[in-house]
């Protein structure tokens, strides 16, 4: 500071820094969340390693943790998810997700029988 006033360059840098921080916070708040738990329908056992993927882009997805839980942050929009686990029937759900919205669901999965039922 010179004579109690800030230099113009300092004000410019502080302005850009404040703008960057505000934009970052605003962007983080604009995401939607899809979370839930995947379990065996027969006994309620949680399923570790179940897959949750976007139908339009199989490279976007997650797997359930050691408690059968999953969590995905996405931009607002309409998404179709495929939830699957080896040896069990898969499930497909579609949601329209809004900014800041949290969608939480439970997915009870059924095992295939001896006749190898068709996928849903």
PDB file of N, CA and C in Angstrom:
ATOM      1  N   UNK A   1       0.837  -1.180   0.000  1.00  0.00           N
ATOM      2  CA  UNK A   1       0.000   0.000   0.000  1.00  0.00           C
ATOM      3  C   UNK A   1       0.881   1.242   0.000  1.00  0.00           C
ATOM      4  N   UNK A   2       0.394   2.190  -0.735  1.00  0.00           N
ATOM      5  CA  UNK A   2       1.054   3.483  -0.764  1.00  0.00           C
ATOM      6  C   UNK A   2       0.046   4.517  -0.289  1.00  0.00           C
ATOM      7  N   UNK A   3       0.412   5.248   0.739  1.00  0.00           N
ATOM      8  CA  UNK A   3      -0.462   6.273   1.300  1.00  0.00           C
ATOM      9  C   UNK A   3      -1.845   5.703   1.658  1.00  0.00           C
ATOM     10  N   UNK A   4      -1.908   4.480   2.170  1.00  0.00           N
ATOM     11  CA  UNK A   4      -3.177   3.901   2.604  1.00  0.00           C
ATOM     12  C   UNK A   4      -4.062   3.399   1.477  1.00  0.00           C
ATOM     13  N   UNK A   5      -3.569   3.430   0.242  1.00  0.00           N
ATOM     14  CA  UNK A   5      -4.360   2.951  -0.889  1.00  0.00           C
ATOM     15  C   UNK A   5      -3.684   1.743  -1.528  1.00  0.00           C
ATOM     16  N   UNK A   6      -4.488   0.831  -2.051  1.00  0.00           N
ATOM     17  CA  UNK A   6      -3.930  -0.342  -2.729  1.00  0.00           C
ATOM     18  C   UNK A   6      -3.577   0.016  -4.168  1.00  0.00           C
ATOM     19  N   UNK A   7      -2.578  -0.625  -4.669  1.00  0.00           N
ATOM     20  CA  UNK A   7      -2.181  -0.424  -6.066  1.00  0.00           C
ATOM     21  C   UNK A   7      -3.225  -1.037  -6.984  1.00  0.00           C
ATOM     22  N   UNK A   8      -3.411  -0.501  -8.190  1.00  0.00           N
ATOM     23  CA  UNK A   8      -4.382  -1.055  -9.140  1.00  0.00           C
ATOM     24  C   UNK A   8      -4.118  -2.522  -9.484  1.00  0.00           C
ATOM     25  N   UNK A   9      -2.842  -2.927  -9.604  1.00  0.00           N
ATOM     26  CA  UNK A   9      -2.529  -4.331  -9.919  1.00  0.00           C
ATOM     27  C   UNK A   9      -2.999  -5.249  -8.802  1.00  0.00           C
ATOM     28  N   UNK A  10      -2.809  -4.826  -7.561  1.00  0.00           N
ATOM     29  CA  UNK A  10      -3.235  -5.633  -6.419  1.00  0.00           C
ATOM     30  C   UNK A  10      -4.747  -5.796  -6.422  1.00  0.00           C
ATOM     31  N   UNK A  11      -5.464  -4.716  -6.705  1.00  0.00           N
ATOM     32  CA  UNK A  11      -6.923  -4.790  -6.780  1.00  0.00           C
ATOM     33  C   UNK A  11      -7.377  -5.714  -7.904  1.00  0.00           C
ATOM     34  N   UNK A  12      -6.701  -5.660  -9.032  1.00  0.00           N
ATOM     35  CA  UNK A  12      -7.054  -6.519 -10.169  1.00  0.00           C
ATOM     36  C   UNK A  12      -6.839  -7.988  -9.819  1.00  0.00           C
ATOM     37  N   UNK A  13      -5.706  -8.300  -9.216  1.00  0.00           N
ATOM     38  CA  UNK A  13      -5.413  -9.682  -8.831  1.00  0.00           C
ATOM     39  C   UNK A  13      -6.432 -10.174  -7.799  1.00  0.00           C
ATOM     40  N   UNK A  14      -6.729  -9.366  -6.807  1.00  0.00           N
ATOM     41  CA  UNK A  14      -7.715  -9.753  -5.801  1.00  0.00           C
ATOM     42  C   UNK A  14      -9.098  -9.936  -6.421  1.00  0.00           C
ATOM     43  N   UNK A  15      -9.443  -9.095  -7.381  1.00  0.00           N
ATOM     44  CA  UNK A  15     -10.734  -9.226  -8.068  1.00  0.00           C
ATOM     45  C   UNK A  15     -10.838 -10.535  -8.830  1.00  0.00           C
ATOM     46  N   UNK A  16      -9.782 -10.882  -9.584  1.00  0.00           N
ATOM     47  CA  UNK A  16      -9.788 -12.139 -10.328  1.00  0.00           C
ATOM     48  C   UNK A  16      -9.820 -13.345  -9.390  1.00  0.00           C
ATOM     49  N   UNK A  17      -9.099 -13.248  -8.288  1.00  0.00           N
ATOM     50  CA  UNK A  17      -9.093 -14.337  -7.317  1.00  0.00           C
ATOM     51  C   UNK A  17     -10.479 -14.542  -6.719  1.00  0.00           C
ATOM     52  N   UNK A  18     -11.139 -13.469  -6.346  1.00  0.00           N
ATOM     53  CA  UNK A  18     -12.492 -13.557  -5.802  1.00  0.00           C
ATOM     54  C   UNK A  18     -13.468 -14.117  -6.834  1.00  0.00           C
ATOM     55  N   UNK A  19     -13.344 -13.695  -8.076  1.00  0.00           N
ATOM     56  CA  UNK A  19     -14.202 -14.199  -9.147  1.00  0.00           C
ATOM     57  C   UNK A  19     -13.989 -15.697  -9.358  1.00  0.00           C
ATOM     58  N   UNK A  20     -12.732 -16.141  -9.356  1.00  0.00           N
ATOM     59  CA  UNK A  20     -12.416 -17.558  -9.541  1.00  0.00           C
ATOM     60  C   UNK A  20     -12.992 -18.400  -8.405  1.00  0.00           C
ATOM     61  N   UNK A  21     -12.823 -17.957  -7.175  1.00  0.00           N
ATOM     62  CA  UNK A  21     -13.341 -18.697  -6.024  1.00  0.00           C
ATOM     63  C   UNK A  21     -14.861 -18.763  -6.075  1.00  0.00           C
ATOM     64  N   UNK A  22     -15.511 -17.667  -6.410  1.00  0.00           N
ATOM     65  CA  UNK A  22     -16.981 -17.649  -6.501  1.00  0.00           C
ATOM     66  C   UNK A  22     -17.476 -18.595  -7.582  1.00  0.00           C
ATOM     67  N   UNK A  23     -16.807 -18.603  -8.735  1.00  0.00           N
ATOM     68  CA  UNK A  23     -17.213 -19.488  -9.835  1.00  0.00           C
ATOM     69  C   UNK A  23     -17.029 -20.949  -9.450  1.00  0.00           C
ATOM     70  N   UNK A  24     -15.949 -21.267  -8.757  1.00  0.00           N
ATOM     71  CA  UNK A  24     -15.693 -22.644  -8.332  1.00  0.00           C
ATOM     72  C   UNK A  24     -16.760 -23.116  -7.348  1.00  0.00           C
ATOM     73  N   UNK A  25     -17.110 -22.272  -6.397  1.00  0.00           N
ATOM     74  CA  UNK A  25     -18.141 -22.628  -5.423  1.00  0.00           C
ATOM     75  C   UNK A  25     -19.492 -22.798  -6.114  1.00  0.00           C
ATOM     76  N   UNK A  26     -19.828 -21.900  -7.026  1.00  0.00           N
ATOM     77  CA  UNK A  26     -21.103 -21.990  -7.739  1.00  0.00           C
ATOM     78  C   UNK A  26     -21.175 -23.258  -8.573  1.00  0.00           C
ATOM     79  N   UNK A  27     -20.073 -23.624  -9.217  1.00  0.00           N
ATOM     80  CA  UNK A  27     -20.062 -24.826 -10.045  1.00  0.00           C
ATOM     81  C   UNK A  27     -20.238 -26.078  -9.185  1.00  0.00           C
ATOM     82  N   UNK A  28     -19.604 -26.117  -8.026  1.00  0.00           N
ATOM     83  CA  UNK A  28     -19.719 -27.284  -7.154  1.00  0.00           C
ATOM     84  C   UNK A  28     -21.146 -27.449  -6.645  1.00  0.00           C
ATOM     85  N   UNK A  29     -21.863 -26.373  -6.455  1.00  0.00           N
ATOM     86  CA  UNK A  29     -23.217 -26.438  -5.955  1.00  0.00           C
ATOM     87  C   UNK A  29     -24.216 -26.817  -7.039  1.00  0.00           C
ATOM     88  N   UNK A  30     -23.815 -26.813  -8.279  1.00  0.00           N
ATOM     89  CA  UNK A  30     -24.732 -27.082  -9.381  1.00  0.00           C
ATOM     90  C   UNK A  30     -24.851 -28.566  -9.714  1.00  0.00           C
ATOM     91  N   UNK A  31     -24.102 -29.416  -9.088  1.00  0.00           N
ATOM     92  CA  UNK A  31     -24.150 -30.850  -9.365  1.00  0.00           C
ATOM     93  C   UNK A  31     -25.377 -31.489  -8.720  1.00  0.00           C
ATOM     94  N   UNK A  32     -25.783 -32.618  -9.280  1.00  0.00           N
ATOM     95  CA  UNK A  32     -26.837 -33.450  -8.705  1.00  0.00           C
ATOM     96  C   UNK A  32     -26.168 -34.720  -8.190  1.00  0.00           C
ATOM     97  N   UNK A  33     -26.796 -35.386  -7.225  1.00  0.00           N
ATOM     98  CA  UNK A  33     -26.212 -36.584  -6.619  1.00  0.00           C
ATOM     99  C   UNK A  33     -27.181 -37.755  -6.757  1.00  0.00           C
ATOM    100  N   UNK A  34     -26.643 -38.891  -7.195  1.00  0.00           N
ATOM    101  CA  UNK A  34     -27.374 -40.152  -7.228  1.00  0.00           C
ATOM    102  C   UNK A  34     -26.616 -41.105  -6.318  1.00  0.00           C
ATOM    103  N   UNK A  35     -27.283 -41.571  -5.263  1.00  0.00           N
ATOM    104  CA  UNK A  35     -26.634 -42.488  -4.328  1.00  0.00           C
ATOM    105  C   UNK A  35     -27.623 -43.538  -3.876  1.00  0.00           C
ATOM    106  N   UNK A  36     -27.076 -44.607  -3.317  1.00  0.00           N
ATOM    107  CA  UNK A  36     -27.964 -45.654  -2.857  1.00  0.00           C
ATOM    108  C   UNK A  36     -27.214 -46.861  -2.359  1.00  0.00           C
ATOM    109  N   UNK A  37     -27.961 -47.959  -2.259  1.00  0.00           N
ATOM    110  CA  UNK A  37     -27.406 -49.215  -1.770  1.00  0.00           C
ATOM    111  C   UNK A  37     -27.959 -50.347  -2.627  1.00  0.00           C
ATOM    112  N   UNK A  38     -27.114 -51.323  -2.913  1.00  0.00           N
ATOM    113  CA  UNK A  38     -27.501 -52.497  -3.702  1.00  0.00           C
ATOM    114  C   UNK A  38     -27.409 -53.707  -2.782  1.00  0.00           C
ATOM    115  N   UNK A  39     -28.489 -54.517  -2.772  1.00  0.00           N
ATOM    116  CA  UNK A  39     -28.532 -55.646  -1.841  1.00  0.00           C
ATOM    117  C   UNK A  39     -29.184 -56.867  -2.478  1.00  0.00           C
ATOM    118  N   UNK A  40     -28.980 -58.004  -1.846  1.00  0.00           N
ATOM    119  CA  UNK A  40     -29.622 -59.252  -2.244  1.00  0.00           C
ATOM    120  C   UNK A  40     -31.063 -59.201  -1.749  1.00  0.00           C
ATOM    121  N   UNK A  41     -32.028 -59.371  -2.645  1.00  0.00           N
ATOM    122  CA  UNK A  41     -33.449 -59.283  -2.283  1.00  0.00           C
ATOM    123  C   UNK A  41     -33.864 -60.406  -1.326  1.00  0.00           C
ATOM    124  N   UNK A  42     -33.188 -61.537  -1.404  1.00  0.00           N
ATOM    125  CA  UNK A  42     -33.573 -62.686  -0.591  1.00  0.00           C
ATOM    126  C   UNK A  42     -33.248 -62.500   0.892  1.00  0.00           C
ATOM    127  N   UNK A  43     -32.036 -62.043   1.186  1.00  0.00           N
ATOM    128  CA  UNK A  43     -31.636 -61.969   2.595  1.00  0.00           C
ATOM    129  C   UNK A  43     -31.173 -60.583   3.049  1.00  0.00           C
ATOM    130  N   UNK A  44     -31.184 -59.589   2.142  1.00  0.00           N
ATOM    131  CA  UNK A  44     -30.800 -58.227   2.513  1.00  0.00           C
ATOM    132  C   UNK A  44     -29.309 -57.983   2.613  1.00  0.00           C
ATOM    133  N   UNK A  45     -28.511 -58.997   2.256  1.00  0.00           N
ATOM    134  CA  UNK A  45     -27.060 -58.832   2.278  1.00  0.00           C
ATOM    135  C   UNK A  45     -26.656 -57.787   1.248  1.00  0.00           C
ATOM    136  N   UNK A  46     -25.796 -56.858   1.644  1.00  0.00           N
ATOM    137  CA  UNK A  46     -25.346 -55.843   0.684  1.00  0.00           C
ATOM    138  C   UNK A  46     -24.379 -56.467  -0.308  1.00  0.00           C
ATOM    139  N   UNK A  47     -24.388 -55.933  -1.516  1.00  0.00           N
ATOM    140  CA  UNK A  47     -23.568 -56.480  -2.595  1.00  0.00           C
ATOM    141  C   UNK A  47     -22.366 -55.569  -2.860  1.00  0.00           C
ATOM    142  N   UNK A  48     -21.196 -56.080  -2.557  1.00  0.00           N
ATOM    143  CA  UNK A  48     -19.946 -55.349  -2.760  1.00  0.00           C
ATOM    144  C   UNK A  48     -19.524 -55.493  -4.221  1.00  0.00           C
ATOM    145  N   UNK A  49     -19.218 -54.389  -4.876  1.00  0.00           N
ATOM    146  CA  UNK A  49     -18.720 -54.436  -6.251  1.00  0.00           C
ATOM    147  C   UNK A  49     -19.793 -54.438  -7.321  1.00  0.00           C
ATOM    148  N   UNK A  50     -21.036 -54.120  -6.973  1.00  0.00           N
ATOM    149  CA  UNK A  50     -22.079 -53.990  -8.003  1.00  0.00           C
ATOM    150  C   UNK A  50     -21.745 -52.780  -8.880  1.00  0.00           C
ATOM    151  N   UNK A  51     -22.095 -52.854 -10.155  1.00  0.00           N
ATOM    152  CA  UNK A  51     -21.795 -51.783 -11.111  1.00  0.00           C
ATOM    153  C   UNK A  51     -22.981 -50.853 -11.292  1.00  0.00           C
ATOM    154  N   UNK A  52     -22.708 -49.558 -11.312  1.00  0.00           N
ATOM    155  CA  UNK A  52     -23.707 -48.539 -11.624  1.00  0.00           C
ATOM    156  C   UNK A  52     -23.100 -47.712 -12.746  1.00  0.00           C
ATOM    157  N   UNK A  53     -23.690 -47.796 -13.935  1.00  0.00           N
ATOM    158  CA  UNK A  53     -23.130 -47.112 -15.104  1.00  0.00           C
ATOM    159  C   UNK A  53     -24.207 -46.345 -15.841  1.00  0.00           C
ATOM    160  N   UNK A  54     -23.772 -45.315 -16.555  1.00  0.00           N
ATOM    161  CA  UNK A  54     -24.684 -44.584 -17.426  1.00  0.00           C
ATOM    162  C   UNK A  54     -24.899 -45.388 -18.697  1.00  0.00           C
ATOM    163  N   UNK A  55     -26.142 -45.485 -19.121  1.00  0.00           N
ATOM    164  CA  UNK A  55     -26.454 -46.253 -20.315  1.00  0.00           C
ATOM    165  C   UNK A  55     -25.802 -45.644 -21.565  1.00  0.00           C
ATOM    166  N   UNK A  56     -25.785 -44.320 -21.668  1.00  0.00           N
ATOM    167  CA  UNK A  56     -25.249 -43.671 -22.871  1.00  0.00           C
ATOM    168  C   UNK A  56     -23.723 -43.637 -22.901  1.00  0.00           C
ATOM    169  N   UNK A  57     -23.086 -43.833 -21.750  1.00  0.00           N
ATOM    170  CA  UNK A  57     -21.631 -43.702 -21.684  1.00  0.00           C
ATOM    171  C   UNK A  57     -21.107 -44.669 -20.623  1.00  0.00           C
ATOM    172  N   UNK A  58     -20.766 -45.876 -21.034  1.00  0.00           N
ATOM    173  CA  UNK A  58     -20.335 -46.889 -20.071  1.00  0.00           C
ATOM    174  C   UNK A  58     -19.039 -46.528 -19.361  1.00  0.00           C
ATOM    175  N   UNK A  59     -18.336 -45.504 -19.831  1.00  0.00           N
ATOM    176  CA  UNK A  59     -17.104 -45.104 -19.147  1.00  0.00           C
ATOM    177  C   UNK A  59     -17.406 -44.273 -17.899  1.00  0.00           C
ATOM    178  N   UNK A  60     -18.655 -43.850 -17.726  1.00  0.00           N
ATOM    179  CA  UNK A  60     -19.047 -43.088 -16.541  1.00  0.00           C
ATOM    180  C   UNK A  60     -19.846 -43.997 -15.617  1.00  0.00           C
ATOM    181  N   UNK A  61     -19.323 -44.197 -14.424  1.00  0.00           N
ATOM    182  CA  UNK A  61     -20.020 -45.045 -13.473  1.00  0.00           C
ATOM    183  C   UNK A  61     -19.226 -45.215 -12.207  1.00  0.00           C
ATOM    184  N   UNK A  62     -19.692 -46.119 -11.374  1.00  0.00           N
ATOM    185  CA  UNK A  62     -19.030 -46.405 -10.110  1.00  0.00           C
ATOM    186  C   UNK A  62     -19.376 -47.831  -9.695  1.00  0.00           C
ATOM    187  N   UNK A  63     -18.793 -48.278  -8.599  1.00  0.00           N
ATOM    188  CA  UNK A  63     -19.130 -49.578  -8.029  1.00  0.00           C
ATOM    189  C   UNK A  63     -19.486 -49.377  -6.561  1.00  0.00           C
ATOM    190  N   UNK A  64     -20.210 -50.335  -6.008  1.00  0.00           N
ATOM    191  CA  UNK A  64     -20.572 -50.240  -4.599  1.00  0.00           C
ATOM    192  C   UNK A  64     -19.365 -50.549  -3.716  1.00  0.00           C
ATOM    193  N   UNK A  65     -19.353 -49.931  -2.541  1.00  0.00           N
ATOM    194  CA  UNK A  65     -18.257 -50.131  -1.600  1.00  0.00           C
ATOM    195  C   UNK A  65     -18.506 -51.365  -0.730  1.00  0.00           C
ATOM    196  N   UNK A  66     -17.728 -51.510   0.336  1.00  0.00           N
ATOM    197  CA  UNK A  66     -17.839 -52.685   1.205  1.00  0.00           C
ATOM    198  C   UNK A  66     -19.150 -52.750   1.971  1.00  0.00           C
ATOM    199  N   UNK A  67     -19.927 -51.666   1.943  1.00  0.00           N
ATOM    200  CA  UNK A  67     -21.245 -51.666   2.581  1.00  0.00           C
ATOM    201  C   UNK A  67     -22.378 -51.705   1.555  1.00  0.00           C
ATOM    202  N   UNK A  68     -22.026 -51.928   0.286  1.00  0.00           N
ATOM    203  CA  UNK A  68     -23.028 -51.990  -0.771  1.00  0.00           C
ATOM    204  C   UNK A  68     -23.533 -50.629  -1.223  1.00  0.00           C
ATOM    205  N   UNK A  69     -22.868 -49.567  -0.807  1.00  0.00           N
ATOM    206  CA  UNK A  69     -23.302 -48.200  -1.124  1.00  0.00           C
ATOM    207  C   UNK A  69     -22.541 -47.634  -2.320  1.00  0.00           C
ATOM    208  N   UNK A  70     -23.199 -46.712  -3.017  1.00  0.00           N
ATOM    209  CA  UNK A  70     -22.555 -46.008  -4.128  1.00  0.00           C
ATOM    210  C   UNK A  70     -22.944 -44.540  -4.082  1.00  0.00           C
ATOM    211  N   UNK A  71     -22.165 -43.713  -4.796  1.00  0.00           N
ATOM    212  CA  UNK A  71     -22.358 -42.265  -4.809  1.00  0.00           C
ATOM    213  C   UNK A  71     -21.832 -41.724  -6.132  1.00  0.00           C
ATOM    214  N   UNK A  72     -22.668 -40.949  -6.835  1.00  0.00           N
ATOM    215  CA  UNK A  72     -22.244 -40.330  -8.100  1.00  0.00           C
ATOM    216  C   UNK A  72     -22.683 -38.880  -8.128  1.00  0.00           C
ATOM    217  N   UNK A  73     -21.784 -37.986  -8.539  1.00  0.00           N
ATOM    218  CA  UNK A  73     -22.112 -36.576  -8.749  1.00  0.00           C
ATOM    219  C   UNK A  73     -22.155 -36.336 -10.244  1.00  0.00           C
ATOM    220  N   UNK A  74     -23.250 -35.718 -10.712  1.00  0.00           N
ATOM    221  CA  UNK A  74     -23.433 -35.489 -12.143  1.00  0.00           C
ATOM    222  C   UNK A  74     -23.992 -34.096 -12.388  1.00  0.00           C
ATOM    223  N   UNK A  75     -23.801 -33.617 -13.602  1.00  0.00           N
ATOM    224  CA  UNK A  75     -24.438 -32.368 -14.002  1.00  0.00           C
ATOM    225  C   UNK A  75     -25.942 -32.597 -14.087  1.00  0.00           C
ATOM    226  N   UNK A  76     -26.741 -31.558 -13.892  1.00  0.00           N
ATOM    227  CA  UNK A  76     -28.191 -31.717 -14.042  1.00  0.00           C
ATOM    228  C   UNK A  76     -28.536 -32.262 -15.431  1.00  0.00           C
ATOM    229  N   UNK A  77     -29.585 -33.080 -15.512  1.00  0.00           N
ATOM    230  CA  UNK A  77     -30.007 -33.655 -16.787  1.00  0.00           C
ATOM    231  C   UNK A  77     -30.775 -34.942 -16.565  1.00  0.00           C
ATOM    232  N   UNK A  78     -31.140 -35.591 -17.655  1.00  0.00           N
ATOM    233  CA  UNK A  78     -31.856 -36.865 -17.595  1.00  0.00           C
ATOM    234  C   UNK A  78     -30.862 -37.986 -17.890  1.00  0.00           C
ATOM    235  N   UNK A  79     -30.828 -38.963 -17.013  1.00  0.00           N
ATOM    236  CA  UNK A  79     -29.868 -40.064 -17.118  1.00  0.00           C
ATOM    237  C   UNK A  79     -30.580 -41.398 -16.961  1.00  0.00           C
ATOM    238  N   UNK A  80     -30.093 -42.388 -17.698  1.00  0.00           N
ATOM    239  CA  UNK A  80     -30.527 -43.766 -17.519  1.00  0.00           C
ATOM    240  C   UNK A  80     -29.333 -44.533 -16.972  1.00  0.00           C
ATOM    241  N   UNK A  81     -29.544 -45.182 -15.829  1.00  0.00           N
ATOM    242  CA  UNK A  81     -28.498 -45.937 -15.161  1.00  0.00           C
ATOM    243  C   UNK A  81     -28.777 -47.428 -15.296  1.00  0.00           C
ATOM    244  N   UNK A  82     -27.724 -48.200 -15.470  1.00  0.00           N
ATOM    245  CA  UNK A  82     -27.819 -49.659 -15.459  1.00  0.00           C
ATOM    246  C   UNK A  82     -27.082 -50.129 -14.211  1.00  0.00           C
ATOM    247  N   UNK A  83     -27.808 -50.830 -13.355  1.00  0.00           N
ATOM    248  CA  UNK A  83     -27.235 -51.356 -12.120  1.00  0.00           C
ATOM    249  C   UNK A  83     -27.148 -52.862 -12.295  1.00  0.00           C
ATOM    250  N   UNK A  84     -25.954 -53.428 -12.103  1.00  0.00           N
ATOM    251  CA  UNK A  84     -25.784 -54.864 -12.345  1.00  0.00           C
ATOM    252  C   UNK A  84     -24.814 -55.483 -11.352  1.00  0.00           C
ATOM    253  N   UNK A  85     -24.964 -56.802 -11.204  1.00  0.00           N
ATOM    254  CA  UNK A  85     -24.077 -57.588 -10.361  1.00  0.00           C
ATOM    255  C   UNK A  85     -24.023 -58.984 -10.946  1.00  0.00           C
ATOM    256  N   UNK A  86     -22.851 -59.562 -11.003  1.00  0.00           N
ATOM    257  CA  UNK A  86     -22.678 -60.884 -11.604  1.00  0.00           C
ATOM    258  C   UNK A  86     -23.571 -61.912 -10.919  1.00  0.00           C
ATOM    259  N   UNK A  87     -24.317 -62.677 -11.734  1.00  0.00           N
ATOM    260  CA  UNK A  87     -25.173 -63.731 -11.215  1.00  0.00           C
ATOM    261  C   UNK A  87     -26.548 -63.261 -10.775  1.00  0.00           C
ATOM    262  N   UNK A  88     -26.835 -61.968 -11.006  1.00  0.00           N
ATOM    263  CA  UNK A  88     -28.138 -61.437 -10.604  1.00  0.00           C
ATOM    264  C   UNK A  88     -28.744 -60.642 -11.762  1.00  0.00           C
ATOM    265  N   UNK A  89     -30.063 -60.522 -11.736  1.00  0.00           N
ATOM    266  CA  UNK A  89     -30.764 -59.758 -12.761  1.00  0.00           C
ATOM    267  C   UNK A  89     -30.388 -58.281 -12.623  1.00  0.00           C
ATOM    268  N   UNK A  90     -30.171 -57.611 -13.738  1.00  0.00           N
ATOM    269  CA  UNK A  90     -29.813 -56.190 -13.693  1.00  0.00           C
ATOM    270  C   UNK A  90     -31.071 -55.332 -13.579  1.00  0.00           C
ATOM    271  N   UNK A  91     -30.873 -54.062 -13.300  1.00  0.00           N
ATOM    272  CA  UNK A  91     -31.976 -53.119 -13.173  1.00  0.00           C
ATOM    273  C   UNK A  91     -31.607 -51.867 -13.956  1.00  0.00           C
ATOM    274  N   UNK A  92     -32.592 -51.233 -14.549  1.00  0.00           N
ATOM    275  CA  UNK A  92     -32.388 -49.989 -15.292  1.00  0.00           C
ATOM    276  C   UNK A  92     -33.373 -48.956 -14.758  1.00  0.00           C
ATOM    277  N   UNK A  93     -32.861 -47.774 -14.427  1.00  0.00           N
ATOM    278  CA  UNK A  93     -33.705 -46.694 -13.928  1.00  0.00           C
ATOM    279  C   UNK A  93     -33.340 -45.400 -14.655  1.00  0.00           C
ATOM    280  N   UNK A  94     -34.329 -44.533 -14.826  1.00  0.00           N
ATOM    281  CA  UNK A  94     -34.119 -43.232 -15.462  1.00  0.00           C
ATOM    282  C   UNK A  94     -34.595 -42.141 -14.520  1.00  0.00           C
ATOM    283  N   UNK A  95     -33.767 -41.119 -14.355  1.00  0.00           N
ATOM    284  CA  UNK A  95     -34.092 -39.981 -13.506  1.00  0.00           C
ATOM    285  C   UNK A  95     -33.778 -38.688 -14.244  1.00  0.00           C
ATOM    286  N   UNK A  96     -34.580 -37.670 -13.987  1.00  0.00           N
ATOM    287  CA  UNK A  96     -34.228 -36.309 -14.377  1.00  0.00           C
ATOM    288  C   UNK A  96     -33.726 -35.645 -13.108  1.00  0.00           C
ATOM    289  N   UNK A  97     -32.472 -35.231 -13.143  1.00  0.00           N
ATOM    290  CA  UNK A  97     -31.824 -34.701 -11.956  1.00  0.00           C
ATOM    291  C   UNK A  97     -31.646 -33.190 -12.088  1.00  0.00           C
ATOM    292  N   UNK A  98     -32.013 -32.470 -11.035  1.00  0.00           N
ATOM    293  CA  UNK A  98     -31.899 -31.014 -11.002  1.00  0.00           C
ATOM    294  C   UNK A  98     -30.669 -30.613 -10.201  1.00  0.00           C
ATOM    295  N   UNK A  99     -30.182 -29.414 -10.436  1.00  0.00           N
ATOM    296  CA  UNK A  99     -29.025 -28.898  -9.711  1.00  0.00           C
ATOM    297  C   UNK A  99     -29.281 -28.950  -8.209  1.00  0.00           C
ATOM    298  N   UNK A 100     -28.345 -29.516  -7.461  1.00  0.00           N
ATOM    299  CA  UNK A 100     -28.452 -29.599  -6.017  1.00  0.00           C
ATOM    300  C   UNK A 100     -29.335 -30.721  -5.503  1.00  0.00           C
ATOM    301  N   UNK A 101     -29.995 -31.441  -6.389  1.00  0.00           N
ATOM    302  CA  UNK A 101     -30.902 -32.526  -5.985  1.00  0.00           C
ATOM    303  C   UNK A 101     -30.115 -33.774  -5.589  1.00  0.00           C
ATOM    304  N   UNK A 102     -30.620 -34.485  -4.585  1.00  0.00           N
ATOM    305  CA  UNK A 102     -30.037 -35.758  -4.160  1.00  0.00           C
ATOM    306  C   UNK A 102     -31.102 -36.833  -4.333  1.00  0.00           C
ATOM    307  N   UNK A 103     -30.803 -37.817  -5.169  1.00  0.00           N
ATOM    308  CA  UNK A 103     -31.707 -38.942  -5.377  1.00  0.00           C
ATOM    309  C   UNK A 103     -31.070 -40.155  -4.718  1.00  0.00           C
ATOM    310  N   UNK A 104     -31.808 -40.771  -3.784  1.00  0.00           N
ATOM    311  CA  UNK A 104     -31.294 -41.929  -3.059  1.00  0.00           C
ATOM    312  C   UNK A 104     -32.266 -43.091  -3.232  1.00  0.00           C
ATOM    313  N   UNK A 105     -31.738 -44.253  -3.622  1.00  0.00           N
ATOM    314  CA  UNK A 105     -32.573 -45.427  -3.867  1.00  0.00           C
ATOM    315  C   UNK A 105     -31.905 -46.692  -3.337  1.00  0.00           C
ATOM    316  N   UNK A 106     -32.761 -47.690  -3.053  1.00  0.00           N
ATOM    317  CA  UNK A 106     -32.291 -49.031  -2.712  1.00  0.00           C
ATOM    318  C   UNK A 106     -32.611 -49.944  -3.886  1.00  0.00           C
ATOM    319  N   UNK A 107     -31.694 -50.843  -4.195  1.00  0.00           N
ATOM    320  CA  UNK A 107     -31.884 -51.775  -5.306  1.00  0.00           C
ATOM    321  C   UNK A 107     -31.738 -53.208  -4.800  1.00  0.00           C
ATOM    322  N   UNK A 108     -32.868 -53.885  -4.509  1.00  0.00           N
ATOM    323  CA  UNK A 108     -32.807 -55.294  -4.121  1.00  0.00           C
ATOM    324  C   UNK A 108     -32.701 -56.164  -5.383  1.00  0.00           C
ATOM    325  N   UNK A 109     -31.665 -56.969  -5.463  1.00  0.00           N
ATOM    326  CA  UNK A 109     -31.424 -57.811  -6.642  1.00  0.00           C
ATOM    327  C   UNK A 109     -31.782 -59.261  -6.357  1.00  0.00           C
ATOM    328  N   UNK A 110     -32.320 -59.911  -7.387  1.00  0.00           N
ATOM    329  CA  UNK A 110     -32.679 -61.328  -7.290  1.00  0.00           C
ATOM    330  C   UNK A 110     -31.650 -62.178  -8.026  1.00  0.00           C
ATOM    331  N   UNK A 111     -31.328 -63.308  -7.434  1.00  0.00           N
ATOM    332  CA  UNK A 111     -30.395 -64.248  -8.075  1.00  0.00           C
ATOM    333  C   UNK A 111     -31.122 -65.006  -9.172  1.00  0.00           C
ATOM    334  N   UNK A 112     -30.350 -65.432 -10.161  1.00  0.00           N
ATOM    335  CA  UNK A 112     -30.916 -66.276 -11.205  1.00  0.00           C
ATOM    336  C   UNK A 112     -31.199 -67.652 -10.634  1.00  0.00           C
ATOM    337  N   UNK A 113     -32.305 -68.241 -11.072  1.00  0.00           N
ATOM    338  CA  UNK A 113     -32.645 -69.598 -10.650  1.00  0.00           C
ATOM    339  C   UNK A 113     -31.974 -70.619 -11.542  1.00  0.00           C
ATOM    340  N   UNK A 114     -32.367 -71.868 -11.390  1.00  0.00           N
ATOM    341  CA  UNK A 114     -31.796 -72.931 -12.219  1.00  0.00           C
ATOM    342  C   UNK A 114     -32.116 -72.748 -13.687  1.00  0.00           C
ATOM    343  N   UNK A 115     -33.245 -72.126 -13.989  1.00  0.00           N
ATOM    344  CA  UNK A 115     -33.665 -71.955 -15.388  1.00  0.00           C
ATOM    345  C   UNK A 115     -33.045 -70.720 -16.047  1.00  0.00           C
ATOM    346  N   UNK A 116     -32.176 -70.028 -15.343  1.00  0.00           N
ATOM    347  CA  UNK A 116     -31.530 -68.827 -15.862  1.00  0.00           C
ATOM    348  C   UNK A 116     -32.550 -67.858 -16.458  1.00  0.00           C
ATOM    349  N   UNK A 117     -33.338 -67.270 -15.576  1.00  0.00           N
ATOM    350  CA  UNK A 117     -34.368 -66.321 -15.993  1.00  0.00           C
ATOM    351  C   UNK A 117     -33.777 -65.261 -16.922  1.00  0.00           C
ATOM    352  N   UNK A 118     -34.616 -64.719 -17.777  1.00  0.00           N
ATOM    353  CA  UNK A 118     -34.172 -63.676 -18.691  1.00  0.00           C
ATOM    354  C   UNK A 118     -33.900 -62.390 -17.921  1.00  0.00           C
ATOM    355  N   UNK A 119     -32.997 -61.591 -18.465  1.00  0.00           N
ATOM    356  CA  UNK A 119     -32.683 -60.293 -17.854  1.00  0.00           C
ATOM    357  C   UNK A 119     -33.905 -59.399 -17.970  1.00  0.00           C
ATOM    358  N   UNK A 120     -34.108 -58.567 -16.998  1.00  0.00           N
ATOM    359  CA  UNK A 120     -35.242 -57.632 -17.017  1.00  0.00           C
ATOM    360  C   UNK A 120     -35.049 -56.589 -18.079  1.00  0.00           C
TER     361      UNK A 120
END
